[in-house]
PDB file of N, CA and C in Angstrom:
ATOM      1  N   UNK A   1      84.896  38.989 -47.076  1.00  0.00           N
ATOM      2  CA  UNK A   1      86.058  38.472 -47.716  1.00  0.00           C
ATOM      3  C   UNK A   1      87.078  39.574 -48.017  1.00  0.00           C
ATOM      4  N   UNK A   2      88.232  39.512 -47.449  1.00  0.00           N
ATOM      5  CA  UNK A   2      89.240  40.554 -47.674  1.00  0.00           C
ATOM      6  C   UNK A   2      89.722  40.491 -49.095  1.00  0.00           C
ATOM      7  N   UNK A   3      90.026  41.664 -49.671  1.00  0.00           N
ATOM      8  CA  UNK A   3      90.408  41.748 -51.032  1.00  0.00           C
ATOM      9  C   UNK A   3      91.676  42.625 -51.183  1.00  0.00           C
ATOM     10  N   UNK A   4      92.481  42.260 -52.140  1.00  0.00           N
ATOM     11  CA  UNK A   4      93.648  43.116 -52.535  1.00  0.00           C
ATOM     12  C   UNK A   4      93.402  43.533 -53.974  1.00  0.00           C
ATOM     13  N   UNK A   5      93.170  44.806 -54.194  1.00  0.00           N
ATOM     14  CA  UNK A   5      92.948  45.319 -55.551  1.00  0.00           C
ATOM     15  C   UNK A   5      94.215  45.979 -56.048  1.00  0.00           C
ATOM     16  N   UNK A   6      94.519  45.754 -57.351  1.00  0.00           N
ATOM     17  CA  UNK A   6      95.641  46.366 -57.991  1.00  0.00           C
ATOM     18  C   UNK A   6      95.134  47.172 -59.169  1.00  0.00           C
ATOM     19  N   UNK A   7      95.278  48.504 -59.154  1.00  0.00           N
ATOM     20  CA  UNK A   7      94.723  49.325 -60.239  1.00  0.00           C
ATOM     21  C   UNK A   7      95.826  50.147 -60.886  1.00  0.00           C
ATOM     22  N   UNK A   8      95.800  50.166 -62.230  1.00  0.00           N
ATOM     23  CA  UNK A   8      96.813  50.858 -62.988  1.00  0.00           C
ATOM     24  C   UNK A   8      96.477  52.375 -63.087  1.00  0.00           C
ATOM     25  N   UNK A   9      97.506  53.230 -62.847  1.00  0.00           N
ATOM     26  CA  UNK A   9      97.345  54.664 -62.995  1.00  0.00           C
ATOM     27  C   UNK A   9      98.535  55.210 -63.798  1.00  0.00           C
ATOM     28  N   UNK A  10      98.311  55.409 -65.129  1.00  0.00           N
ATOM     29  CA  UNK A  10      99.386  55.972 -65.952  1.00  0.00           C
ATOM     30  C   UNK A  10      99.728  57.403 -65.549  1.00  0.00           C
ATOM     31  N   UNK A  11     101.005  57.741 -65.558  1.00  0.00           N
ATOM     32  CA  UNK A  11     101.494  59.082 -65.274  1.00  0.00           C
ATOM     33  C   UNK A  11     102.483  59.493 -66.282  1.00  0.00           C
ATOM     34  N   UNK A  12     103.162  60.553 -66.082  1.00  0.00           N
ATOM     35  CA  UNK A  12     104.221  61.015 -66.990  1.00  0.00           C
ATOM     36  C   UNK A  12     105.415  60.077 -67.015  1.00  0.00           C
ATOM     37  N   UNK A  13     105.505  59.290 -68.060  1.00  0.00           N
ATOM     38  CA  UNK A  13     106.680  58.468 -68.256  1.00  0.00           C
ATOM     39  C   UNK A  13     106.683  57.093 -67.589  1.00  0.00           C
ATOM     40  N   UNK A  14     105.828  56.850 -66.635  1.00  0.00           N
ATOM     41  CA  UNK A  14     105.793  55.555 -65.976  1.00  0.00           C
ATOM     42  C   UNK A  14     104.371  55.232 -65.515  1.00  0.00           C
ATOM     43  N   UNK A  15     104.155  53.961 -65.186  1.00  0.00           N
ATOM     44  CA  UNK A  15     102.869  53.486 -64.699  1.00  0.00           C
ATOM     45  C   UNK A  15     102.953  53.303 -63.195  1.00  0.00           C
ATOM     46  N   UNK A  16     102.061  53.945 -62.456  1.00  0.00           N
ATOM     47  CA  UNK A  16     101.979  53.714 -61.021  1.00  0.00           C
ATOM     48  C   UNK A  16     100.816  52.751 -60.744  1.00  0.00           C
ATOM     49  N   UNK A  17     100.973  52.007 -59.668  1.00  0.00           N
ATOM     50  CA  UNK A  17      99.904  51.032 -59.264  1.00  0.00           C
ATOM     51  C   UNK A  17      99.430  51.412 -57.891  1.00  0.00           C
ATOM     52  N   UNK A  18      98.103  51.388 -57.755  1.00  0.00           N
ATOM     53  CA  UNK A  18      97.433  51.652 -56.475  1.00  0.00           C
ATOM     54  C   UNK A  18      97.030  50.316 -55.889  1.00  0.00           C
ATOM     55  N   UNK A  19      97.622  49.902 -54.773  1.00  0.00           N
ATOM     56  CA  UNK A  19      97.262  48.649 -54.123  1.00  0.00           C
ATOM     57  C   UNK A  19      96.351  49.000 -52.941  1.00  0.00           C
ATOM     58  N   UNK A  20      95.120  48.465 -53.023  1.00  0.00           N
ATOM     59  CA  UNK A  20      94.119  48.769 -52.008  1.00  0.00           C
ATOM     60  C   UNK A  20      93.689  47.481 -51.343  1.00  0.00           C
ATOM     61  N   UNK A  21      93.782  47.396 -50.026  1.00  0.00           N
ATOM     62  CA  UNK A  21      93.350  46.257 -49.262  1.00  0.00           C
ATOM     63  C   UNK A  21      91.981  46.554 -48.651  1.00  0.00           C
ATOM     64  N   UNK A  22      91.002  45.737 -48.979  1.00  0.00           N
ATOM     65  CA  UNK A  22      89.601  46.028 -48.540  1.00  0.00           C
ATOM     66  C   UNK A  22      89.159  44.943 -47.555  1.00  0.00           C
ATOM     67  N   UNK A  23      88.310  45.312 -46.647  1.00  0.00           N
ATOM     68  CA  UNK A  23      87.741  44.325 -45.684  1.00  0.00           C
ATOM     69  C   UNK A  23      86.437  43.799 -46.270  1.00  0.00           C
ATOM     70  N   UNK A  24      85.750  43.048 -45.411  1.00  0.00           N
ATOM     71  CA  UNK A  24      84.488  42.382 -45.876  1.00  0.00           C
ATOM     72  C   UNK A  24      83.448  43.367 -46.351  1.00  0.00           C
ATOM     73  N   UNK A  25      83.416  44.563 -45.782  1.00  0.00           N
ATOM     74  CA  UNK A  25      82.397  45.556 -46.152  1.00  0.00           C
ATOM     75  C   UNK A  25      82.880  46.461 -47.271  1.00  0.00           C
ATOM     76  N   UNK A  26      84.028  46.202 -47.830  1.00  0.00           N
ATOM     77  CA  UNK A  26      84.554  47.009 -48.864  1.00  0.00           C
ATOM     78  C   UNK A  26      85.300  48.260 -48.411  1.00  0.00           C
ATOM     79  N   UNK A  27      85.541  48.343 -47.108  1.00  0.00           N
ATOM     80  CA  UNK A  27      86.291  49.505 -46.559  1.00  0.00           C
ATOM     81  C   UNK A  27      87.782  49.269 -46.723  1.00  0.00           C
ATOM     82  N   UNK A  28      88.486  50.288 -47.089  1.00  0.00           N
ATOM     83  CA  UNK A  28      89.926  50.199 -47.288  1.00  0.00           C
ATOM     84  C   UNK A  28      90.646  50.274 -45.914  1.00  0.00           C
ATOM     85  N   UNK A  29      91.580  49.356 -45.734  1.00  0.00           N
ATOM     86  CA  UNK A  29      92.311  49.362 -44.451  1.00  0.00           C
ATOM     87  C   UNK A  29      93.827  49.432 -44.651  1.00  0.00           C
ATOM     88  N   UNK A  30      94.250  49.408 -45.884  1.00  0.00           N
ATOM     89  CA  UNK A  30      95.673  49.594 -46.189  1.00  0.00           C
ATOM     90  C   UNK A  30      95.809  49.930 -47.656  1.00  0.00           C
ATOM     91  N   UNK A  31      96.782  50.757 -48.022  1.00  0.00           N
ATOM     92  CA  UNK A  31      97.023  51.102 -49.406  1.00  0.00           C
ATOM     93  C   UNK A  31      98.456  51.454 -49.646  1.00  0.00           C
ATOM     94  N   UNK A  32      98.917  51.253 -50.851  1.00  0.00           N
ATOM     95  CA  UNK A  32     100.253  51.677 -51.287  1.00  0.00           C
ATOM     96  C   UNK A  32     100.132  52.163 -52.719  1.00  0.00           C
ATOM     97  N   UNK A  33     100.681  53.304 -52.985  1.00  0.00           N
ATOM     98  CA  UNK A  33     100.608  53.903 -54.348  1.00  0.00           C
ATOM     99  C   UNK A  33     102.019  54.043 -54.845  1.00  0.00           C
ATOM    100  N   UNK A  34     102.425  53.161 -55.747  1.00  0.00           N
ATOM    101  CA  UNK A  34     103.855  53.091 -56.112  1.00  0.00           C
ATOM    102  C   UNK A  34     103.998  52.337 -57.429  1.00  0.00           C
ATOM    103  N   UNK A  35     105.245  52.223 -57.882  1.00  0.00           N
ATOM    104  CA  UNK A  35     105.549  51.385 -59.024  1.00  0.00           C
ATOM    105  C   UNK A  35     105.727  49.975 -58.583  1.00  0.00           C
ATOM    106  N   UNK A  36     105.560  49.024 -59.464  1.00  0.00           N
ATOM    107  CA  UNK A  36     105.795  47.629 -59.106  1.00  0.00           C
ATOM    108  C   UNK A  36     107.225  47.415 -58.679  1.00  0.00           C
ATOM    109  N   UNK A  37     108.189  48.067 -59.325  1.00  0.00           N
ATOM    110  CA  UNK A  37     109.571  47.815 -58.966  1.00  0.00           C
ATOM    111  C   UNK A  37     109.902  48.311 -57.584  1.00  0.00           C
ATOM    112  N   UNK A  38     109.190  49.330 -57.070  1.00  0.00           N
ATOM    113  CA  UNK A  38     109.574  49.861 -55.753  1.00  0.00           C
ATOM    114  C   UNK A  38     108.715  49.299 -54.631  1.00  0.00           C
ATOM    115  N   UNK A  39     107.659  48.565 -54.960  1.00  0.00           N
ATOM    116  CA  UNK A  39     106.800  48.006 -53.882  1.00  0.00           C
ATOM    117  C   UNK A  39     107.451  46.742 -53.393  1.00  0.00           C
ATOM    118  N   UNK A  40     107.848  46.710 -52.094  1.00  0.00           N
ATOM    119  CA  UNK A  40     108.489  45.544 -51.573  1.00  0.00           C
ATOM    120  C   UNK A  40     107.481  44.735 -50.717  1.00  0.00           C
ATOM    121  N   UNK A  41     106.679  45.334 -49.930  1.00  0.00           N
ATOM    122  CA  UNK A  41     105.723  44.594 -49.159  1.00  0.00           C
ATOM    123  C   UNK A  41     104.629  45.517 -48.668  1.00  0.00           C
ATOM    124  N   UNK A  42     103.505  44.922 -48.284  1.00  0.00           N
ATOM    125  CA  UNK A  42     102.428  45.655 -47.618  1.00  0.00           C
ATOM    126  C   UNK A  42     102.178  44.998 -46.282  1.00  0.00           C
ATOM    127  N   UNK A  43     102.262  45.716 -45.200  1.00  0.00           N
ATOM    128  CA  UNK A  43     101.963  45.195 -43.887  1.00  0.00           C
ATOM    129  C   UNK A  43     100.512  45.384 -43.589  1.00  0.00           C
ATOM    130  N   UNK A  44      99.790  44.315 -43.352  1.00  0.00           N
ATOM    131  CA  UNK A  44      98.385  44.389 -43.042  1.00  0.00           C
ATOM    132  C   UNK A  44      98.157  44.365 -41.564  1.00  0.00           C
ATOM    133  N   UNK A  45      96.998  44.852 -41.082  1.00  0.00           N
ATOM    134  CA  UNK A  45      96.729  44.850 -39.635  1.00  0.00           C
ATOM    135  C   UNK A  45      96.374  43.467 -39.164  1.00  0.00           C
ATOM    136  N   UNK A  46      95.583  43.340 -38.131  1.00  0.00           N
ATOM    137  CA  UNK A  46      95.244  42.052 -37.551  1.00  0.00           C
ATOM    138  C   UNK A  46      94.394  41.207 -38.469  1.00  0.00           C
ATOM    139  N   UNK A  47      94.686  39.901 -38.651  1.00  0.00           N
ATOM    140  CA  UNK A  47      95.843  39.249 -38.177  1.00  0.00           C
ATOM    141  C   UNK A  47      97.112  39.741 -38.922  1.00  0.00           C
ATOM    142  N   UNK A  48      98.260  39.662 -38.286  1.00  0.00           N
ATOM    143  CA  UNK A  48      99.481  40.201 -38.892  1.00  0.00           C
ATOM    144  C   UNK A  48      99.857  39.373 -40.116  1.00  0.00           C
ATOM    145  N   UNK A  49      99.800  40.038 -41.245  1.00  0.00           N
ATOM    146  CA  UNK A  49     100.073  39.393 -42.509  1.00  0.00           C
ATOM    147  C   UNK A  49     100.990  40.314 -43.310  1.00  0.00           C
ATOM    148  N   UNK A  50     101.971  39.794 -43.999  1.00  0.00           N
ATOM    149  CA  UNK A  50     102.814  40.577 -44.859  1.00  0.00           C
ATOM    150  C   UNK A  50     102.706  40.005 -46.295  1.00  0.00           C
ATOM    151  N   UNK A  51     102.611  40.933 -47.239  1.00  0.00           N
ATOM    152  CA  UNK A  51     102.541  40.540 -48.632  1.00  0.00           C
ATOM    153  C   UNK A  51     103.805  40.972 -49.341  1.00  0.00           C
ATOM    154  N   UNK A  52     104.517  40.032 -49.952  1.00  0.00           N
ATOM    155  CA  UNK A  52     105.755  40.318 -50.661  1.00  0.00           C
ATOM    156  C   UNK A  52     105.579  40.044 -52.140  1.00  0.00           C
ATOM    157  N   UNK A  53     106.143  40.895 -52.966  1.00  0.00           N
ATOM    158  CA  UNK A  53     106.217  40.627 -54.423  1.00  0.00           C
ATOM    159  C   UNK A  53     107.493  39.800 -54.627  1.00  0.00           C
ATOM    160  N   UNK A  54     107.362  38.578 -55.087  1.00  0.00           N
ATOM    161  CA  UNK A  54     108.512  37.709 -55.315  1.00  0.00           C
ATOM    162  C   UNK A  54     109.134  37.953 -56.626  1.00  0.00           C
ATOM    163  N   UNK A  55     108.292  38.075 -57.683  1.00  0.00           N
ATOM    164  CA  UNK A  55     108.787  38.261 -59.038  1.00  0.00           C
ATOM    165  C   UNK A  55     107.678  38.902 -59.868  1.00  0.00           C
ATOM    166  N   UNK A  56     108.045  39.865 -60.685  1.00  0.00           N
ATOM    167  CA  UNK A  56     107.064  40.420 -61.560  1.00  0.00           C
ATOM    168  C   UNK A  56     107.638  40.667 -62.968  1.00  0.00           C
ATOM    169  N   UNK A  57     106.786  40.520 -63.986  1.00  0.00           N
ATOM    170  CA  UNK A  57     107.126  40.828 -65.343  1.00  0.00           C
ATOM    171  C   UNK A  57     106.009  41.697 -65.871  1.00  0.00           C
ATOM    172  N   UNK A  58     106.043  42.019 -67.146  1.00  0.00           N
ATOM    173  CA  UNK A  58     104.987  42.812 -67.781  1.00  0.00           C
ATOM    174  C   UNK A  58     103.698  42.058 -67.827  1.00  0.00           C
ATOM    175  N   UNK A  59     103.758  40.727 -67.789  1.00  0.00           N
ATOM    176  CA  UNK A  59     102.553  39.925 -67.983  1.00  0.00           C
ATOM    177  C   UNK A  59     102.121  39.194 -66.714  1.00  0.00           C
ATOM    178  N   UNK A  60     102.928  39.146 -65.681  1.00  0.00           N
ATOM    179  CA  UNK A  60     102.561  38.351 -64.513  1.00  0.00           C
ATOM    180  C   UNK A  60     103.134  38.956 -63.284  1.00  0.00           C
ATOM    181  N   UNK A  61     102.593  38.559 -62.111  1.00  0.00           N
ATOM    182  CA  UNK A  61     103.132  38.968 -60.818  1.00  0.00           C
ATOM    183  C   UNK A  61     102.983  37.781 -59.864  1.00  0.00           C
ATOM    184  N   UNK A  62     103.994  37.497 -59.107  1.00  0.00           N
ATOM    185  CA  UNK A  62     103.960  36.442 -58.124  1.00  0.00           C
ATOM    186  C   UNK A  62     103.971  37.064 -56.733  1.00  0.00           C
ATOM    187  N   UNK A  63     102.980  36.785 -55.953  1.00  0.00           N
ATOM    188  CA  UNK A  63     102.867  37.337 -54.567  1.00  0.00           C
ATOM    189  C   UNK A  63     103.175  36.230 -53.564  1.00  0.00           C
ATOM    190  N   UNK A  64     103.755  36.628 -52.467  1.00  0.00           N
ATOM    191  CA  UNK A  64     103.902  35.652 -51.352  1.00  0.00           C
ATOM    192  C   UNK A  64     103.318  36.351 -50.128  1.00  0.00           C
ATOM    193  N   UNK A  65     102.309  35.755 -49.569  1.00  0.00           N
ATOM    194  CA  UNK A  65     101.631  36.303 -48.397  1.00  0.00           C
ATOM    195  C   UNK A  65     101.923  35.347 -47.216  1.00  0.00           C
ATOM    196  N   UNK A  66     102.390  35.934 -46.122  1.00  0.00           N
ATOM    197  CA  UNK A  66     102.749  35.057 -45.029  1.00  0.00           C
ATOM    198  C   UNK A  66     102.477  35.684 -43.666  1.00  0.00           C
ATOM    199  N   UNK A  67     102.260  34.852 -42.719  1.00  0.00           N
ATOM    200  CA  UNK A  67     102.115  35.215 -41.333  1.00  0.00           C
ATOM    201  C   UNK A  67     103.063  34.295 -40.559  1.00  0.00           C
ATOM    202  N   UNK A  68     102.939  34.215 -39.259  1.00  0.00           N
ATOM    203  CA  UNK A  68     103.760  33.327 -38.456  1.00  0.00           C
ATOM    204  C   UNK A  68     103.381  31.896 -38.640  1.00  0.00           C
ATOM    205  N   UNK A  69     102.180  31.624 -39.159  1.00  0.00           N
ATOM    206  CA  UNK A  69     101.661  30.255 -39.228  1.00  0.00           C
ATOM    207  C   UNK A  69     101.638  29.671 -40.692  1.00  0.00           C
ATOM    208  N   UNK A  70     101.703  30.553 -41.693  1.00  0.00           N
ATOM    209  CA  UNK A  70     101.431  30.034 -43.049  1.00  0.00           C
ATOM    210  C   UNK A  70     102.026  30.920 -44.088  1.00  0.00           C
ATOM    211  N   UNK A  71     102.491  30.299 -45.163  1.00  0.00           N
ATOM    212  CA  UNK A  71     102.937  31.020 -46.333  1.00  0.00           C
ATOM    213  C   UNK A  71     102.003  30.664 -47.500  1.00  0.00           C
ATOM    214  N   UNK A  72     101.522  31.667 -48.183  1.00  0.00           N
ATOM    215  CA  UNK A  72     100.610  31.448 -49.355  1.00  0.00           C
ATOM    216  C   UNK A  72     101.263  32.089 -50.570  1.00  0.00           C
ATOM    217  N   UNK A  73     101.535  31.289 -51.600  1.00  0.00           N
ATOM    218  CA  UNK A  73     102.118  31.832 -52.801  1.00  0.00           C
ATOM    219  C   UNK A  73     101.017  31.900 -53.880  1.00  0.00           C
ATOM    220  N   UNK A  74     100.930  33.008 -54.542  1.00  0.00           N
ATOM    221  CA  UNK A  74      99.919  33.219 -55.555  1.00  0.00           C
ATOM    222  C   UNK A  74     100.553  33.764 -56.821  1.00  0.00           C
ATOM    223  N   UNK A  75     100.268  33.155 -57.936  1.00  0.00           N
ATOM    224  CA  UNK A  75     100.745  33.602 -59.263  1.00  0.00           C
ATOM    225  C   UNK A  75      99.561  34.228 -59.978  1.00  0.00           C
ATOM    226  N   UNK A  76      99.662  35.508 -60.311  1.00  0.00           N
ATOM    227  CA  UNK A  76      98.651  36.169 -61.116  1.00  0.00           C
ATOM    228  C   UNK A  76      99.193  36.295 -62.501  1.00  0.00           C
ATOM    229  N   UNK A  77      98.414  35.925 -63.487  1.00  0.00           N
ATOM    230  CA  UNK A  77      98.846  35.898 -64.877  1.00  0.00           C
ATOM    231  C   UNK A  77      98.909  37.257 -65.519  1.00  0.00           C
ATOM    232  N   UNK A  78      98.334  38.259 -64.897  1.00  0.00           N
ATOM    233  CA  UNK A  78      98.351  39.608 -65.436  1.00  0.00           C
ATOM    234  C   UNK A  78      98.183  40.590 -64.265  1.00  0.00           C
ATOM    235  N   UNK A  79      98.884  41.738 -64.296  1.00  0.00           N
ATOM    236  CA  UNK A  79      98.800  42.666 -63.169  1.00  0.00           C
ATOM    237  C   UNK A  79      97.394  43.252 -62.945  1.00  0.00           C
ATOM    238  N   UNK A  80      96.517  43.241 -63.954  1.00  0.00           N
ATOM    239  CA  UNK A  80      95.164  43.815 -63.800  1.00  0.00           C
ATOM    240  C   UNK A  80      94.218  42.779 -63.216  1.00  0.00           C
ATOM    241  N   UNK A  81      94.653  42.099 -62.145  1.00  0.00           N
ATOM    242  CA  UNK A  81      93.848  41.040 -61.545  1.00  0.00           C
ATOM    243  C   UNK A  81      93.570  41.387 -60.085  1.00  0.00           C
ATOM    244  N   UNK A  82      92.503  40.803 -59.559  1.00  0.00           N
ATOM    245  CA  UNK A  82      92.145  40.966 -58.188  1.00  0.00           C
ATOM    246  C   UNK A  82      92.295  39.652 -57.489  1.00  0.00           C
ATOM    247  N   UNK A  83      92.963  39.676 -56.341  1.00  0.00           N
ATOM    248  CA  UNK A  83      93.141  38.500 -55.513  1.00  0.00           C
ATOM    249  C   UNK A  83      92.259  38.684 -54.277  1.00  0.00           C
ATOM    250  N   UNK A  84      91.360  37.719 -54.014  1.00  0.00           N
ATOM    251  CA  UNK A  84      90.565  37.821 -52.813  1.00  0.00           C
ATOM    252  C   UNK A  84      90.523  36.433 -52.131  1.00  0.00           C
ATOM    253  N   UNK A  85      90.498  36.473 -50.824  1.00  0.00           N
ATOM    254  CA  UNK A  85      90.539  35.233 -50.055  1.00  0.00           C
ATOM    255  C   UNK A  85      89.919  35.433 -48.674  1.00  0.00           C
ATOM    256  N   UNK A  86      89.437  34.322 -48.133  1.00  0.00           N
ATOM    257  CA  UNK A  86      88.894  34.333 -46.790  1.00  0.00           C
ATOM    258  C   UNK A  86      90.092  34.085 -45.827  1.00  0.00           C
ATOM    259  N   UNK A  87      90.577  35.154 -45.130  1.00  0.00           N
ATOM    260  CA  UNK A  87      91.746  35.013 -44.335  1.00  0.00           C
ATOM    261  C   UNK A  87      91.620  33.993 -43.240  1.00  0.00           C
ATOM    262  N   UNK A  88      90.439  33.915 -42.593  1.00  0.00           N
ATOM    263  CA  UNK A  88      90.249  32.995 -41.470  1.00  0.00           C
ATOM    264  C   UNK A  88      90.414  31.517 -41.913  1.00  0.00           C
ATOM    265  N   UNK A  89      89.974  31.204 -43.113  1.00  0.00           N
ATOM    266  CA  UNK A  89      90.153  29.838 -43.600  1.00  0.00           C
ATOM    267  C   UNK A  89      91.533  29.555 -44.094  1.00  0.00           C
ATOM    268  N   UNK A  90      92.289  30.589 -44.446  1.00  0.00           N
ATOM    269  CA  UNK A  90      93.607  30.387 -45.014  1.00  0.00           C
ATOM    270  C   UNK A  90      94.629  30.116 -43.892  1.00  0.00           C
ATOM    271  N   UNK A  91      94.508  30.750 -42.734  1.00  0.00           N
ATOM    272  CA  UNK A  91      95.514  30.659 -41.710  1.00  0.00           C
ATOM    273  C   UNK A  91      95.230  29.585 -40.680  1.00  0.00           C
ATOM    274  N   UNK A  92      95.662  28.337 -40.916  1.00  0.00           N
ATOM    275  CA  UNK A  92      95.493  27.236 -39.924  1.00  0.00           C
ATOM    276  C   UNK A  92      96.443  27.352 -38.800  1.00  0.00           C
ATOM    277  N   UNK A  93      96.219  26.572 -37.762  1.00  0.00           N
ATOM    278  CA  UNK A  93      97.134  26.668 -36.598  1.00  0.00           C
ATOM    279  C   UNK A  93      98.466  26.015 -36.852  1.00  0.00           C
ATOM    280  N   UNK A  94      98.488  24.931 -37.626  1.00  0.00           N
ATOM    281  CA  UNK A  94      99.753  24.254 -37.926  1.00  0.00           C
ATOM    282  C   UNK A  94     100.497  25.006 -39.031  1.00  0.00           C
ATOM    283  N   UNK A  95     101.795  24.932 -39.015  1.00  0.00           N
ATOM    284  CA  UNK A  95     102.621  25.647 -39.988  1.00  0.00           C
ATOM    285  C   UNK A  95     102.803  24.788 -41.232  1.00  0.00           C
ATOM    286  N   UNK A  96     102.363  25.314 -42.357  1.00  0.00           N
ATOM    287  CA  UNK A  96     102.544  24.615 -43.621  1.00  0.00           C
ATOM    288  C   UNK A  96     102.449  25.595 -44.769  1.00  0.00           C
ATOM    289  N   UNK A  97     102.910  25.197 -45.896  1.00  0.00           N
ATOM    290  CA  UNK A  97     102.822  26.079 -47.086  1.00  0.00           C
ATOM    291  C   UNK A  97     101.836  25.496 -48.072  1.00  0.00           C
ATOM    292  N   UNK A  98     101.017  26.382 -48.609  1.00  0.00           N
ATOM    293  CA  UNK A  98     100.014  25.963 -49.587  1.00  0.00           C
ATOM    294  C   UNK A  98     100.088  26.873 -50.797  1.00  0.00           C
ATOM    295  N   UNK A  99      99.495  26.427 -51.884  1.00  0.00           N
ATOM    296  CA  UNK A  99      99.422  27.256 -53.069  1.00  0.00           C
ATOM    297  C   UNK A  99      97.980  27.509 -53.377  1.00  0.00           C
ATOM    298  N   UNK A 100      97.727  28.505 -54.233  1.00  0.00           N
ATOM    299  CA  UNK A 100      96.386  29.034 -54.418  1.00  0.00           C
ATOM    300  C   UNK A 100      95.405  27.963 -54.913  1.00  0.00           C
ATOM    301  N   UNK A 101      95.875  27.006 -55.730  1.00  0.00           N
ATOM    302  CA  UNK A 101      94.908  26.040 -56.299  1.00  0.00           C
ATOM    303  C   UNK A 101      94.434  25.053 -55.252  1.00  0.00           C
ATOM    304  N   UNK A 102      95.057  24.974 -54.090  1.00  0.00           N
ATOM    305  CA  UNK A 102      94.645  24.072 -53.045  1.00  0.00           C
ATOM    306  C   UNK A 102      93.598  24.699 -52.122  1.00  0.00           C
ATOM    307  N   UNK A 103      93.310  25.981 -52.338  1.00  0.00           N
ATOM    308  CA  UNK A 103      92.392  26.667 -51.441  1.00  0.00           C
ATOM    309  C   UNK A 103      91.076  26.932 -52.155  1.00  0.00           C
ATOM    310  N   UNK A 104      89.973  26.446 -51.551  1.00  0.00           N
ATOM    311  CA  UNK A 104      88.665  26.639 -52.177  1.00  0.00           C
ATOM    312  C   UNK A 104      88.198  28.098 -52.142  1.00  0.00           C
ATOM    313  N   UNK A 105      88.645  28.863 -51.139  1.00  0.00           N
ATOM    314  CA  UNK A 105      88.068  30.203 -50.903  1.00  0.00           C
ATOM    315  C   UNK A 105      88.886  31.280 -51.557  1.00  0.00           C
ATOM    316  N   UNK A 106      89.877  30.939 -52.384  1.00  0.00           N
ATOM    317  CA  UNK A 106      90.649  31.984 -53.076  1.00  0.00           C
ATOM    318  C   UNK A 106      90.030  32.261 -54.426  1.00  0.00           C
ATOM    319  N   UNK A 107      89.829  33.532 -54.704  1.00  0.00           N
ATOM    320  CA  UNK A 107      89.250  33.940 -56.006  1.00  0.00           C
ATOM    321  C   UNK A 107      90.201  34.916 -56.648  1.00  0.00           C
ATOM    322  N   UNK A 108      90.443  34.727 -57.888  1.00  0.00           N
ATOM    323  CA  UNK A 108      91.225  35.652 -58.713  1.00  0.00           C
ATOM    324  C   UNK A 108      90.413  36.034 -59.912  1.00  0.00           C
ATOM    325  N   UNK A 109      90.180  37.344 -60.046  1.00  0.00           N
ATOM    326  CA  UNK A 109      89.379  37.799 -61.183  1.00  0.00           C
ATOM    327  C   UNK A 109      89.900  39.140 -61.682  1.00  0.00           C
ATOM    328  N   UNK A 110      89.467  39.489 -62.908  1.00  0.00           N
ATOM    329  CA  UNK A 110      89.908  40.743 -63.474  1.00  0.00           C
ATOM    330  C   UNK A 110      89.250  41.913 -62.819  1.00  0.00           C
ATOM    331  N   UNK A 111      90.041  42.985 -62.599  1.00  0.00           N
ATOM    332  CA  UNK A 111      89.458  44.240 -62.176  1.00  0.00           C
ATOM    333  C   UNK A 111      88.785  44.940 -63.327  1.00  0.00           C
ATOM    334  N   UNK A 112      87.750  45.685 -63.059  1.00  0.00           N
ATOM    335  CA  UNK A 112      87.112  46.504 -64.117  1.00  0.00           C
ATOM    336  C   UNK A 112      87.804  47.860 -64.114  1.00  0.00           C
ATOM    337  N   UNK A 113      88.705  48.067 -65.076  1.00  0.00           N
ATOM    338  CA  UNK A 113      89.462  49.301 -65.171  1.00  0.00           C
ATOM    339  C   UNK A 113      88.824  50.294 -66.136  1.00  0.00           C
TER     340      UNK A 113
END
């Protein structure tokens, strides 16, 4: 199950976030180390998926994950959360938009910081 981890890293004067994309075996295949305000998207390898931050506040973050076949919108209630999903089950052949609560294989849980 592929995972997107968001980990907080305090620095001088601002908080940086390390975004780590992990494959089924826990191996990292993409990362971005940046502030929330400057992170626009993460391009993932095959299948071609892009992750966009739509809106973020101090208490929540809304992600939009899309490919050519599907858009998935996810609302996380706090930045210290982990979003994990089974990509093969999420991307159907027909084009449609779904939300996280309609997907059985989406898991959102707190990271252990």
